[in-house]
PDB file of N, CA and C in Angstrom:
ATOM      1  N   MET A   1     103.667  87.137  38.815  1.00  0.00           N
ATOM      2  CA  MET A   1     104.109  87.338  40.497  1.00  0.00           C
ATOM      3  C   MET A   1     105.424  86.677  40.625  1.00  0.00           C
ATOM      4  N   LYS A   2     106.163  87.663  41.692  1.00  0.00           N
ATOM      5  CA  LYS A   2     107.403  87.246  42.278  1.00  0.00           C
ATOM      6  C   LYS A   2     107.025  87.618  43.781  1.00  0.00           C
ATOM      7  N   ILE A   3     107.447  86.507  44.246  1.00  0.00           N
ATOM      8  CA  ILE A   3     106.716  86.306  45.650  1.00  0.00           C
ATOM      9  C   ILE A   3     108.615  86.124  46.848  1.00  0.00           C
ATOM     10  N   SER A   4     108.941  87.115  47.316  1.00  0.00           N
ATOM     11  CA  SER A   4     110.360  87.066  47.619  1.00  0.00           C
ATOM     12  C   SER A   4     110.014  86.481  49.087  1.00  0.00           C
ATOM     13  N   ILE A   5     110.548  84.942  49.501  1.00  0.00           N
ATOM     14  CA  ILE A   5     110.720  84.354  50.706  1.00  0.00           C
ATOM     15  C   ILE A   5     111.802  83.823  51.354  1.00  0.00           C
ATOM     16  N   GLN A   6     112.436  83.767  52.418  1.00  0.00           N
ATOM     17  CA  GLN A   6     113.854  83.315  53.410  1.00  0.00           C
ATOM     18  C   GLN A   6     113.626  82.566  52.027  1.00  0.00           C
ATOM     19  N   GLU A   7     115.807  82.319  52.489  1.00  0.00           N
ATOM     20  CA  GLU A   7     116.076  82.073  51.047  1.00  0.00           C
ATOM     21  C   GLU A   7     116.550  80.137  51.688  1.00  0.00           C
ATOM     22  N   ASN A   8     115.785  79.345  50.501  1.00  0.00           N
ATOM     23  CA  ASN A   8     116.031  78.288  51.227  1.00  0.00           C
ATOM     24  C   ASN A   8     115.178  77.561  51.982  1.00  0.00           C
ATOM     25  N   ALA A   9     113.838  78.025  52.063  1.00  0.00           N
ATOM     26  CA  ALA A   9     112.831  78.216  52.852  1.00  0.00           C
ATOM     27  C   ALA A   9     111.626  76.633  52.642  1.00  0.00           C
ATOM     28  N   ILE A  10     112.074  76.890  50.727  1.00  0.00           N
ATOM     29  CA  ILE A  10     110.829  75.952  50.718  1.00  0.00           C
ATOM     30  C   ILE A  10     111.310  75.498  49.504  1.00  0.00           C
ATOM     31  N   ASN A  11     110.337  73.713  49.586  1.00  0.00           N
ATOM     32  CA  ASN A  11     110.724  72.409  48.952  1.00  0.00           C
ATOM     33  C   ASN A  11     110.339  72.092  48.121  1.00  0.00           C
ATOM     34  N   LEU A  12     110.533  71.662  46.809  1.00  0.00           N
ATOM     35  CA  LEU A  12     109.360  72.159  45.814  1.00  0.00           C
ATOM     36  C   LEU A  12     108.348  70.717  45.962  1.00  0.00           C
ATOM     37  N   GLU A  13     108.865  69.536  46.801  1.00  0.00           N
ATOM     38  CA  GLU A  13     107.767  68.695  46.478  1.00  0.00           C
ATOM     39  C   GLU A  13     107.264  69.125  47.739  1.00  0.00           C
ATOM     40  N   GLU A  14     107.176  69.792  48.646  1.00  0.00           N
ATOM     41  CA  GLU A  14     106.762  70.074  49.734  1.00  0.00           C
ATOM     42  C   GLU A  14     104.940  70.728  49.256  1.00  0.00           C
ATOM     43  N   LEU A  15     105.405  71.929  48.220  1.00  0.00           N
ATOM     44  CA  LEU A  15     105.014  72.752  47.748  1.00  0.00           C
ATOM     45  C   LEU A  15     103.889  72.235  46.821  1.00  0.00           C
ATOM     46  N   LYS A  16     105.069  71.380  45.897  1.00  0.00           N
ATOM     47  CA  LYS A  16     103.770  70.630  45.050  1.00  0.00           C
ATOM     48  C   LYS A  16     102.454  69.834  46.035  1.00  0.00           C
ATOM     49  N   LYS A  17     103.404  69.102  46.580  1.00  0.00           N
ATOM     50  CA  LYS A  17     101.986  68.358  47.871  1.00  0.00           C
ATOM     51  C   LYS A  17     100.607  69.208  48.454  1.00  0.00           C
ATOM     52  N   ASN A  18     101.603  70.021  48.943  1.00  0.00           N
ATOM     53  CA  ASN A  18     100.434  71.539  49.918  1.00  0.00           C
ATOM     54  C   ASN A  18      99.298  71.673  48.332  1.00  0.00           C
ATOM     55  N   LEU A  19      99.816  72.584  47.215  1.00  0.00           N
ATOM     56  CA  LEU A  19      99.100  72.574  46.057  1.00  0.00           C
ATOM     57  C   LEU A  19      97.619  71.515  45.511  1.00  0.00           C
ATOM     58  N   ALA A  20      98.178  70.164  45.313  1.00  0.00           N
ATOM     59  CA  ALA A  20      97.431  69.207  45.210  1.00  0.00           C
ATOM     60  C   ALA A  20      96.755  69.203  46.112  1.00  0.00           C
ATOM     61  N   ASN A  21      97.235  69.114  47.496  1.00  0.00           N
ATOM     62  CA  ASN A  21      96.029  69.013  48.667  1.00  0.00           C
ATOM     63  C   ASN A  21      94.804  69.699  48.258  1.00  0.00           C
ATOM     64  N   HIS A  22      95.757  71.553  48.146  1.00  0.00           N
ATOM     65  CA  HIS A  22      94.521  71.605  48.596  1.00  0.00           C
ATOM     66  C   HIS A  22      93.360  71.898  47.259  1.00  0.00           C
ATOM     67  N   TYR A  23      93.415  72.429  45.836  1.00  0.00           N
ATOM     68  CA  TYR A  23      93.314  72.118  45.212  1.00  0.00           C
ATOM     69  C   TYR A  23      93.027  70.750  43.936  1.00  0.00           C
ATOM     70  N   ARG A  24      92.539  69.724  45.305  1.00  0.00           N
ATOM     71  CA  ARG A  24      92.784  68.244  44.624  1.00  0.00           C
ATOM     72  C   ARG A  24      91.442  68.552  44.126  1.00  0.00           C
ATOM     73  N   ASP A  25      90.005  68.959  44.266  1.00  0.00           N
ATOM     74  CA  ASP A  25      88.931  68.534  43.611  1.00  0.00           C
ATOM     75  C   ASP A  25      88.701  69.700  42.341  1.00  0.00           C
ATOM     76  N   LYS A  26      89.857  70.941  42.284  1.00  0.00           N
ATOM     77  CA  LYS A  26      89.458  71.872  41.494  1.00  0.00           C
ATOM     78  C   LYS A  26      90.400  71.876  40.397  1.00  0.00           C
ATOM     79  N   TYR A  27      91.615  72.122  40.194  1.00  0.00           N
ATOM     80  CA  TYR A  27      92.302  72.182  39.900  1.00  0.00           C
ATOM     81  C   TYR A  27      93.090  70.178  39.359  1.00  0.00           C
ATOM     82  N   THR A  28      93.780  70.061  38.410  1.00  0.00           N
ATOM     83  CA  THR A  28      95.621  69.275  38.305  1.00  0.00           C
ATOM     84  C   THR A  28      96.325  70.047  38.270  1.00  0.00           C
ATOM     85  N   VAL A  29      97.122  69.310  39.510  1.00  0.00           N
ATOM     86  CA  VAL A  29      98.715  69.839  39.260  1.00  0.00           C
ATOM     87  C   VAL A  29      99.867  68.333  39.690  1.00  0.00           C
ATOM     88  N   LYS A  30     100.386  68.847  38.378  1.00  0.00           N
ATOM     89  CA  LYS A  30     102.094  68.675  38.060  1.00  0.00           C
ATOM     90  C   LYS A  30     102.907  69.007  38.029  1.00  0.00           C
ATOM     91  N   MET A  31     103.814  67.973  37.655  1.00  0.00           N
ATOM     92  CA  MET A  31     104.976  68.745  37.236  1.00  0.00           C
ATOM     93  C   MET A  31     105.618  69.484  35.809  1.00  0.00           C
ATOM     94  N   LYS A  32     105.863  69.878  35.723  1.00  0.00           N
ATOM     95  CA  LYS A  32     106.044  70.520  34.419  1.00  0.00           C
ATOM     96  C   LYS A  32     107.487  70.279  33.596  1.00  0.00           C
ATOM     97  N   GLY A  33     107.673  69.469  33.291  1.00  0.00           N
ATOM     98  CA  GLY A  33     109.808  70.082  33.002  1.00  0.00           C
ATOM     99  C   GLY A  33     110.034  69.090  34.793  1.00  0.00           C
ATOM    100  N   LYS A  34     111.572  69.612  35.249  1.00  0.00           N
ATOM    101  CA  LYS A  34     111.805  69.700  36.394  1.00  0.00           C
ATOM    102  C   LYS A  34     111.649  70.476  37.749  1.00  0.00           C
ATOM    103  N   TYR A  35     111.660  72.048  37.180  1.00  0.00           N
ATOM    104  CA  TYR A  35     111.574  73.260  38.027  1.00  0.00           C
ATOM    105  C   TYR A  35     110.050  73.740  38.366  1.00  0.00           C
ATOM    106  N   ILE A  36     108.952  73.192  37.400  1.00  0.00           N
ATOM    107  CA  ILE A  36     107.861  73.814  37.180  1.00  0.00           C
ATOM    108  C   ILE A  36     106.582  73.242  37.532  1.00  0.00           C
ATOM    109  N   ILE A  37     105.671  73.794  38.616  1.00  0.00           N
ATOM    110  CA  ILE A  37     104.928  72.854  38.826  1.00  0.00           C
ATOM    111  C   ILE A  37     103.553  73.535  37.948  1.00  0.00           C
ATOM    112  N   ALA A  38     102.874  72.684  37.455  1.00  0.00           N
ATOM    113  CA  ALA A  38     102.150  73.507  37.145  1.00  0.00           C
ATOM    114  C   ALA A  38      99.837  73.007  37.433  1.00  0.00           C
ATOM    115  N   VAL A  39      99.714  73.747  37.627  1.00  0.00           N
ATOM    116  CA  VAL A  39      98.203  74.018  38.639  1.00  0.00           C
ATOM    117  C   VAL A  39      96.922  74.470  37.003  1.00  0.00           C
ATOM    118  N   ALA A  40      96.660  72.963  36.277  1.00  0.00           N
ATOM    119  CA  ALA A  40      95.928  73.478  35.482  1.00  0.00           C
ATOM    120  C   ALA A  40      94.658  73.392  35.910  1.00  0.00           C
ATOM    121  N   LYS A  41      93.608  74.610  34.872  1.00  0.00           N
ATOM    122  CA  LYS A  41      91.909  74.133  35.431  1.00  0.00           C
ATOM    123  C   LYS A  41      91.884  73.696  34.277  1.00  0.00           C
ATOM    124  N   THR A  42      92.068  73.998  33.094  1.00  0.00           N
ATOM    125  CA  THR A  42      91.232  73.280  31.921  1.00  0.00           C
ATOM    126  C   THR A  42      92.783  72.921  31.593  1.00  0.00           C
ATOM    127  N   LYS A  43      93.186  71.946  29.636  1.00  0.00           N
ATOM    128  CA  LYS A  43      93.844  71.768  29.370  1.00  0.00           C
ATOM    129  C   LYS A  43      94.613  72.697  28.537  1.00  0.00           C
ATOM    130  N   ILE A  44      94.158  74.131  28.611  1.00  0.00           N
ATOM    131  CA  ILE A  44      94.913  74.918  27.704  1.00  0.00           C
ATOM    132  C   ILE A  44      94.625  76.851  28.274  1.00  0.00           C
ATOM    133  N   ILE A  45      94.274  76.223  30.393  1.00  0.00           N
ATOM    134  CA  ILE A  45      94.652  77.310  31.053  1.00  0.00           C
ATOM    135  C   ILE A  45      95.078  77.223  32.374  1.00  0.00           C
ATOM    136  N   GLY A  46      95.907  77.789  32.492  1.00  0.00           N
ATOM    137  CA  GLY A  46      96.207  77.419  34.466  1.00  0.00           C
ATOM    138  C   GLY A  46      97.926  78.602  35.037  1.00  0.00           C
ATOM    139  N   ALA A  47      98.271  77.761  35.537  1.00  0.00           N
ATOM    140  CA  ALA A  47      99.568  78.837  35.980  1.00  0.00           C
ATOM    141  C   ALA A  47     100.667  78.018  36.073  1.00  0.00           C
ATOM    142  N   ASN A  48     101.693  78.113  36.264  1.00  0.00           N
ATOM    143  CA  ASN A  48     103.107  78.045  36.131  1.00  0.00           C
ATOM    144  C   ASN A  48     103.753  78.288  37.481  1.00  0.00           C
ATOM    145  N   VAL A  49     104.255  77.468  38.324  1.00  0.00           N
ATOM    146  CA  VAL A  49     105.184  77.388  39.358  1.00  0.00           C
ATOM    147  C   VAL A  49     105.858  77.489  39.754  1.00  0.00           C
ATOM    148  N   VAL A  50     107.181  78.263  40.105  1.00  0.00           N
ATOM    149  CA  VAL A  50     108.522  78.099  39.418  1.00  0.00           C
ATOM    150  C   VAL A  50     108.778  78.902  41.450  1.00  0.00           C
ATOM    151  N   PRO A  51     109.882  77.412  42.085  1.00  0.00           N
ATOM    152  CA  PRO A  51     109.817  77.981  43.487  1.00  0.00           C
ATOM    153  C   PRO A  51     112.014  77.659  42.896  1.00  0.00           C
ATOM    154  N   LEU A  52     112.605  79.385  43.511  1.00  0.00           N
ATOM    155  CA  LEU A  52     114.027  79.018  43.516  1.00  0.00           C
ATOM    156  C   LEU A  52     113.884  79.324  44.880  1.00  0.00           C
ATOM    157  N   LYS A  53     115.559  79.819  44.604  1.00  0.00           N
ATOM    158  CA  LYS A  53     116.174  79.683  45.886  1.00  0.00           C
ATOM    159  C   LYS A  53     115.331  80.262  46.488  1.00  0.00           C
ATOM    160  N   ASP A  54     115.238  82.341  46.356  1.00  0.00           N
ATOM    161  CA  ASP A  54     115.049  83.218  47.586  1.00  0.00           C
ATOM    162  C   ASP A  54     113.841  83.386  47.195  1.00  0.00           C
ATOM    163  N   LYS A  55     112.377  83.341  45.501  1.00  0.00           N
ATOM    164  CA  LYS A  55     111.516  83.788  45.850  1.00  0.00           C
ATOM    165  C   LYS A  55     110.624  82.508  44.973  1.00  0.00           C
ATOM    166  N   ILE A  56     109.788  82.789  44.775  1.00  0.00           N
ATOM    167  CA  ILE A  56     108.323  82.003  43.761  1.00  0.00           C
ATOM    168  C   ILE A  56     107.984  82.918  43.223  1.00  0.00           C
ATOM    169  N   ILE A  57     107.329  82.002  42.075  1.00  0.00           N
ATOM    170  CA  ILE A  57     107.263  83.058  40.120  1.00  0.00           C
ATOM    171  C   ILE A  57     105.880  82.119  40.275  1.00  0.00           C
ATOM    172  N   ILE A  58     105.352  83.259  39.957  1.00  0.00           N
ATOM    173  CA  ILE A  58     103.943  82.205  39.442  1.00  0.00           C
ATOM    174  C   ILE A  58     103.640  82.914  38.406  1.00  0.00           C
ATOM    175  N   THR A  59     102.834  82.502  37.367  1.00  0.00           N
ATOM    176  CA  THR A  59     103.112  82.827  35.991  1.00  0.00           C
ATOM    177  C   THR A  59     101.660  82.352  35.690  1.00  0.00           C
ATOM    178  N   GLY A  60     100.814  83.078  34.927  1.00  0.00           N
ATOM    179  CA  GLY A  60      99.740  82.313  34.221  1.00  0.00           C
ATOM    180  C   GLY A  60     100.554  82.292  32.885  1.00  0.00           C
ATOM    181  N   GLY A  61      99.657  81.126  32.772  1.00  0.00           N
ATOM    182  CA  GLY A  61     100.000  79.910  31.743  1.00  0.00           C
ATOM    183  C   GLY A  61      99.345  79.437  30.834  1.00  0.00           C
ATOM    184  N   PHE A  62     100.340  78.836  29.651  1.00  0.00           N
ATOM    185  CA  PHE A  62      99.601  76.453  29.778  1.00  0.00           C
ATOM    186  C   PHE A  62     100.213  76.564  30.018  1.00  0.00           C
ATOM    187  N   PRO A  63      99.376  74.962  30.804  1.00  0.00           N
ATOM    188  CA  PRO A  63      99.638  73.558  32.230  1.00  0.00           C
ATOM    189  C   PRO A  63     100.644  73.489  31.245  1.00  0.00           C
ATOM    190  N   SER A  64     100.314  72.638  29.933  1.00  0.00           N
ATOM    191  CA  SER A  64     101.883  71.869  28.690  1.00  0.00           C
ATOM    192  C   SER A  64     102.510  71.426  28.607  1.00  0.00           C
ATOM    193  N   LEU A  65     103.581  71.841  28.049  1.00  0.00           N
ATOM    194  CA  LEU A  65     104.873  71.805  26.553  1.00  0.00           C
ATOM    195  C   LEU A  65     104.191  72.069  25.755  1.00  0.00           C
ATOM    196  N   SER A  66     102.938  70.149  25.807  1.00  0.00           N
ATOM    197  CA  SER A  66     102.406  70.188  24.199  1.00  0.00           C
ATOM    198  C   SER A  66     101.770  72.014  23.844  1.00  0.00           C
ATOM    199  N   VAL A  67     100.856  72.202  24.843  1.00  0.00           N
ATOM    200  CA  VAL A  67      99.414  72.757  24.528  1.00  0.00           C
ATOM    201  C   VAL A  67     100.438  74.228  23.994  1.00  0.00           C
ATOM    202  N   GLN A  68     101.236  74.032  24.620  1.00  0.00           N
ATOM    203  CA  GLN A  68     102.485  75.485  24.454  1.00  0.00           C
ATOM    204  C   GLN A  68     103.189  75.655  23.449  1.00  0.00           C
ATOM    205  N   LEU A  69     103.291  74.348  22.792  1.00  0.00           N
ATOM    206  CA  LEU A  69     104.079  74.598  21.160  1.00  0.00           C
ATOM    207  C   LEU A  69     102.857  74.053  20.362  1.00  0.00           C
ATOM    208  N   ILE A  70     101.261  73.648  19.969  1.00  0.00           N
ATOM    209  CA  ILE A  70     100.874  74.382  19.603  1.00  0.00           C
ATOM    210  C   ILE A  70     100.194  75.234  19.563  1.00  0.00           C
ATOM    211  N   PHE A  71     100.124  76.457  20.491  1.00  0.00           N
ATOM    212  CA  PHE A  71     100.728  77.728  20.419  1.00  0.00           C
ATOM    213  C   PHE A  71     101.708  78.587  19.883  1.00  0.00           C
ATOM    214  N   THR A  72     102.507  78.176  19.796  1.00  0.00           N
ATOM    215  CA  THR A  72     103.924  78.501  18.572  1.00  0.00           C
ATOM    216  C   THR A  72     103.907  78.648  17.757  1.00  0.00           C
ATOM    217  N   LEU A  73     103.613  76.889  17.073  1.00  0.00           N
ATOM    218  CA  LEU A  73     102.853  77.002  15.697  1.00  0.00           C
ATOM    219  C   LEU A  73     102.464  77.859  15.503  1.00  0.00           C
ATOM    220  N   LEU A  74     100.711  77.931  15.921  1.00  0.00           N
ATOM    221  CA  LEU A  74     100.171  78.920  15.546  1.00  0.00           C
ATOM    222  C   LEU A  74     100.615  80.067  14.921  1.00  0.00           C
ATOM    223  N   PHE A  75     101.742  80.758  15.776  1.00  0.00           N
ATOM    224  CA  PHE A  75     102.387  81.969  15.622  1.00  0.00           C
ATOM    225  C   PHE A  75     102.901  81.848  14.284  1.00  0.00           C
ATOM    226  N   ILE A  76     103.476  80.796  14.270  1.00  0.00           N
ATOM    227  CA  ILE A  76     104.639  80.569  12.830  1.00  0.00           C
ATOM    228  C   ILE A  76     103.469  80.723  11.731  1.00  0.00           C
ATOM    229  N   GLY A  77     102.247  79.565  12.267  1.00  0.00           N
ATOM    230  CA  GLY A  77     101.239  80.051  10.810  1.00  0.00           C
ATOM    231  C   GLY A  77     100.827  80.462  10.807  1.00  0.00           C
ATOM    232  N   LEU A  78      99.751  81.901  11.351  1.00  0.00           N
ATOM    233  CA  LEU A  78      99.376  82.380  11.241  1.00  0.00           C
ATOM    234  C   LEU A  78     100.571  84.217  10.905  1.00  0.00           C
ATOM    235  N   GLY A  79     101.529  83.929  11.739  1.00  0.00           N
ATOM    236  CA  GLY A  79     101.565  85.074  11.826  1.00  0.00           C
ATOM    237  C   GLY A  79     101.303  85.788  13.634  1.00  0.00           C
ATOM    238  N   VAL A  80     102.269  86.818  13.517  1.00  0.00           N
ATOM    239  CA  VAL A  80     101.410  87.044  15.114  1.00  0.00           C
ATOM    240  C   VAL A  80      99.995  87.878  15.491  1.00  0.00           C
ATOM    241  N   ILE A  81      99.180  88.820  15.137  1.00  0.00           N
ATOM    242  CA  ILE A  81      98.347  89.658  15.277  1.00  0.00           C
ATOM    243  C   ILE A  81      97.509  88.123  15.618  1.00  0.00           C
ATOM    244  N   ILE A  82      96.950  87.161  15.327  1.00  0.00           N
ATOM    245  CA  ILE A  82      95.520  86.648  14.949  1.00  0.00           C
ATOM    246  C   ILE A  82      95.877  85.976  16.152  1.00  0.00           C
ATOM    247  N   PRO A  83      97.250  84.425  16.787  1.00  0.00           N
ATOM    248  CA  PRO A  83      97.378  84.358  18.027  1.00  0.00           C
ATOM    249  C   PRO A  83      97.017  85.223  19.189  1.00  0.00           C
ATOM    250  N   MET A  84      97.396  86.315  18.650  1.00  0.00           N
ATOM    251  CA  MET A  84      97.751  87.282  20.032  1.00  0.00           C
ATOM    252  C   MET A  84      96.488  87.874  19.994  1.00  0.00           C
ATOM    253  N   ILE A  85      95.216  88.031  19.052  1.00  0.00           N
ATOM    254  CA  ILE A  85      94.286  88.863  19.376  1.00  0.00           C
ATOM    255  C   ILE A  85      93.329  87.861  19.655  1.00  0.00           C
ATOM    256  N   LEU A  86      93.313  86.370  20.054  1.00  0.00           N
ATOM    257  CA  LEU A  86      93.094  85.362  20.627  1.00  0.00           C
ATOM    258  C   LEU A  86      93.286  85.809  21.708  1.00  0.00           C
ATOM    259  N   TYR A  87      94.231  85.233  22.066  1.00  0.00           N
ATOM    260  CA  TYR A  87      95.514  85.290  23.413  1.00  0.00           C
ATOM    261  C   TYR A  87      94.672  86.540  24.165  1.00  0.00           C
ATOM    262  N   TRP A  88      94.653  86.853  24.053  1.00  0.00           N
ATOM    263  CA  TRP A  88      94.254  87.833  24.421  1.00  0.00           C
ATOM    264  C   TRP A  88      92.963  88.526  25.055  1.00  0.00           C
ATOM    265  N   PHE A  89      92.191  88.063  24.049  1.00  0.00           N
ATOM    266  CA  PHE A  89      90.504  87.913  24.169  1.00  0.00           C
ATOM    267  C   PHE A  89      90.541  86.525  24.652  1.00  0.00           C
ATOM    268  N   LEU A  90      90.906  85.900  24.653  1.00  0.00           N
ATOM    269  CA  LEU A  90      90.559  84.909  25.027  1.00  0.00           C
ATOM    270  C   LEU A  90      90.879  83.637  26.542  1.00  0.00           C
ATOM    271  N   LEU A  91      92.318  84.061  26.748  1.00  0.00           N
ATOM    272  CA  LEU A  91      92.513  83.143  27.445  1.00  0.00           C
ATOM    273  C   LEU A  91      93.851  84.186  28.468  1.00  0.00           C
ATOM    274  N   HIS A  92      93.710  85.155  28.258  1.00  0.00           N
ATOM    275  CA  HIS A  92      94.976  85.641  29.375  1.00  0.00           C
ATOM    276  C   HIS A  92      94.192  86.186  30.569  1.00  0.00           C
ATOM    277  N   LYS A  93      92.867  86.514  30.917  1.00  0.00           N
ATOM    278  CA  LYS A  93      92.384  87.111  31.302  1.00  0.00           C
ATOM    279  C   LYS A  93      91.770  85.909  32.731  1.00  0.00           C
ATOM    280  N   LYS A  94      90.901  83.896  31.983  1.00  0.00           N
ATOM    281  CA  LYS A  94      91.377  83.471  33.198  1.00  0.00           C
ATOM    282  C   LYS A  94      92.554  82.508  33.318  1.00  0.00           C
ATOM    283  N   MET A  95      93.977  83.566  32.406  1.00  0.00           N
ATOM    284  CA  MET A  95      94.969  82.325  33.132  1.00  0.00           C
ATOM    285  C   MET A  95      95.422  83.517  34.497  1.00  0.00           C
ATOM    286  N   LYS A  96      95.235  84.861  34.097  1.00  0.00           N
ATOM    287  CA  LYS A  96      96.076  86.054  35.736  1.00  0.00           C
ATOM    288  C   LYS A  96      95.171  85.007  36.328  1.00  0.00           C
ATOM    289  N   GLU A  97      93.825  84.876  36.216  1.00  0.00           N
ATOM    290  CA  GLU A  97      92.493  84.785  37.598  1.00  0.00           C
ATOM    291  C   GLU A  97      93.516  83.555  38.554  1.00  0.00           C
ATOM    292  N   VAL A  98      93.797  82.654  37.780  1.00  0.00           N
ATOM    293  CA  VAL A  98      94.416  81.572  38.279  1.00  0.00           C
ATOM    294  C   VAL A  98      95.307  82.105  38.857  1.00  0.00           C
ATOM    295  N   GLU A  99      96.276  82.881  38.135  1.00  0.00           N
ATOM    296  CA  GLU A  99      97.504  82.887  39.225  1.00  0.00           C
ATOM    297  C   GLU A  99      97.696  83.752  40.643  1.00  0.00           C
ATOM    298  N   GLN A 100      96.560  84.698  40.494  1.00  0.00           N
ATOM    299  CA  GLN A 100      95.799  84.675  41.115  1.00  0.00           C
ATOM    300  C   GLN A 100      95.239  84.208  42.240  1.00  0.00           C
ATOM    301  N   GLU A 101      94.694  83.016  42.001  1.00  0.00           N
ATOM    302  CA  GLU A 101      94.186  82.127  43.160  1.00  0.00           C
ATOM    303  C   GLU A 101      95.232  81.627  43.641  1.00  0.00           C
ATOM    304  N   VAL A 102      96.209  80.586  43.049  1.00  0.00           N
ATOM    305  CA  VAL A 102      97.647  80.425  43.799  1.00  0.00           C
ATOM    306  C   VAL A 102      98.412  81.188  44.087  1.00  0.00           C
ATOM    307  N   ALA A 103      98.285  82.407  43.461  1.00  0.00           N
ATOM    308  CA  ALA A 103      99.339  83.130  44.588  1.00  0.00           C
ATOM    309  C   ALA A 103      98.906  83.623  46.017  1.00  0.00           C
ATOM    310  N   ASP A 104      97.809  83.957  46.055  1.00  0.00           N
ATOM    311  CA  ASP A 104      97.126  84.490  46.944  1.00  0.00           C
ATOM    312  C   ASP A 104      97.303  82.757  48.090  1.00  0.00           C
ATOM    313  N   PHE A 105      96.872  81.793  47.757  1.00  0.00           N
ATOM    314  CA  PHE A 105      96.928  80.473  48.235  1.00  0.00           C
ATOM    315  C   PHE A 105      98.278  80.365  49.541  1.00  0.00           C
ATOM    316  N   ILE A 106      99.368  79.983  47.722  1.00  0.00           N
ATOM    317  CA  ILE A 106     100.855  80.156  48.716  1.00  0.00           C
ATOM    318  C   ILE A 106     101.175  81.477  49.350  1.00  0.00           C
ATOM    319  N   LYS A 107     101.005  82.926  49.322  1.00  0.00           N
ATOM    320  CA  LYS A 107     101.125  84.127  50.145  1.00  0.00           C
ATOM    321  C   LYS A 107     100.075  83.805  51.527  1.00  0.00           C
ATOM    322  N   LYS A 108      98.895  82.476  52.221  1.00  0.00           N
ATOM    323  CA  LYS A 108      98.366  82.467  53.253  1.00  0.00           C
ATOM    324  C   LYS A 108      98.724  81.269  53.954  1.00  0.00           C
ATOM    325  N   GLU A 109      99.117  80.118  52.659  1.00  0.00           N
ATOM    326  CA  GLU A 109      99.638  78.809  53.080  1.00  0.00           C
ATOM    327  C   GLU A 109     102.032  79.210  53.879  1.00  0.00           C
ATOM    328  N   TYR A 110     102.561  80.614  52.591  1.00  0.00           N
ATOM    329  CA  TYR A 110     103.620  80.313  53.629  1.00  0.00           C
ATOM    330  C   TYR A 110     104.159  81.917  53.825  1.00  0.00           C
ATOM    331  N   SER A 111     102.553  82.325  54.459  1.00  0.00           N
ATOM    332  CA  SER A 111     102.838  83.494  55.803  1.00  0.00           C
ATOM    333  C   SER A 111     104.118  83.734  56.657  1.00  0.00           C
ATOM    334  N   GLN A 112     104.474  82.930  57.233  1.00  0.00           N
ATOM    335  CA  GLN A 112     106.049  82.710  58.108  1.00  0.00           C
ATOM    336  C   GLN A 112     107.071  82.192  56.977  1.00  0.00           C
ATOM    337  N   ILE A 113     106.913  82.423  56.078  1.00  0.00           N
ATOM    338  CA  ILE A 113     108.611  82.458  55.223  1.00  0.00           C
ATOM    339  C   ILE A 113     108.445  83.884  54.360  1.00  0.00           C
ATOM    340  N   ILE A 114     107.615  84.951  54.281  1.00  0.00           N
ATOM    341  CA  ILE A 114     107.363  85.706  52.829  1.00  0.00           C
ATOM    342  C   ILE A 114     108.529  86.903  53.929  1.00  0.00           C
ATOM    343  N   ILE A 115     108.797  86.920  52.998  1.00  0.00           N
ATOM    344  CA  ILE A 115     109.961  88.062  53.010  1.00  0.00           C
ATOM    345  C   ILE A 115     109.004  89.876  52.433  1.00  0.00           C
ATOM    346  N   ASN A 116     108.353  90.866  53.036  1.00  0.00           N
ATOM    347  CA  ASN A 116     107.523  91.961  52.711  1.00  0.00           C
ATOM    348  C   ASN A 116     106.583  91.634  51.813  1.00  0.00           C
ATOM    349  N   PRO A 117     105.934  91.325  52.760  1.00  0.00           N
ATOM    350  CA  PRO A 117     104.487  90.651  51.762  1.00  0.00           C
ATOM    351  C   PRO A 117     103.497  91.826  51.462  1.00  0.00           C
TER     352      PRO A 117
END
């Protein structure tokens, strides 16, 4: 999900701090790489938040690089069909729920800098 914002209106550290404070009892919030904030419901279900210059991108996905690597290795080892079936039936819906919840919080918290909500 893309949320258009005013240019250079959001700070990565401020966004991470706000997400961590809001989800302190529910989710784990940590950095995934240098520019991605991972909001983890469990070890394999979460959402990734990427604040860019003029937008914030939120995608449901794996909250850690190690779990993402294991899933990629499953693709190589088992082929495409079995891991995709597992993903769609077991993980996708839950990841989208976390993505939507994080997006709703960001839209509410940063409503003053959002362009065309």
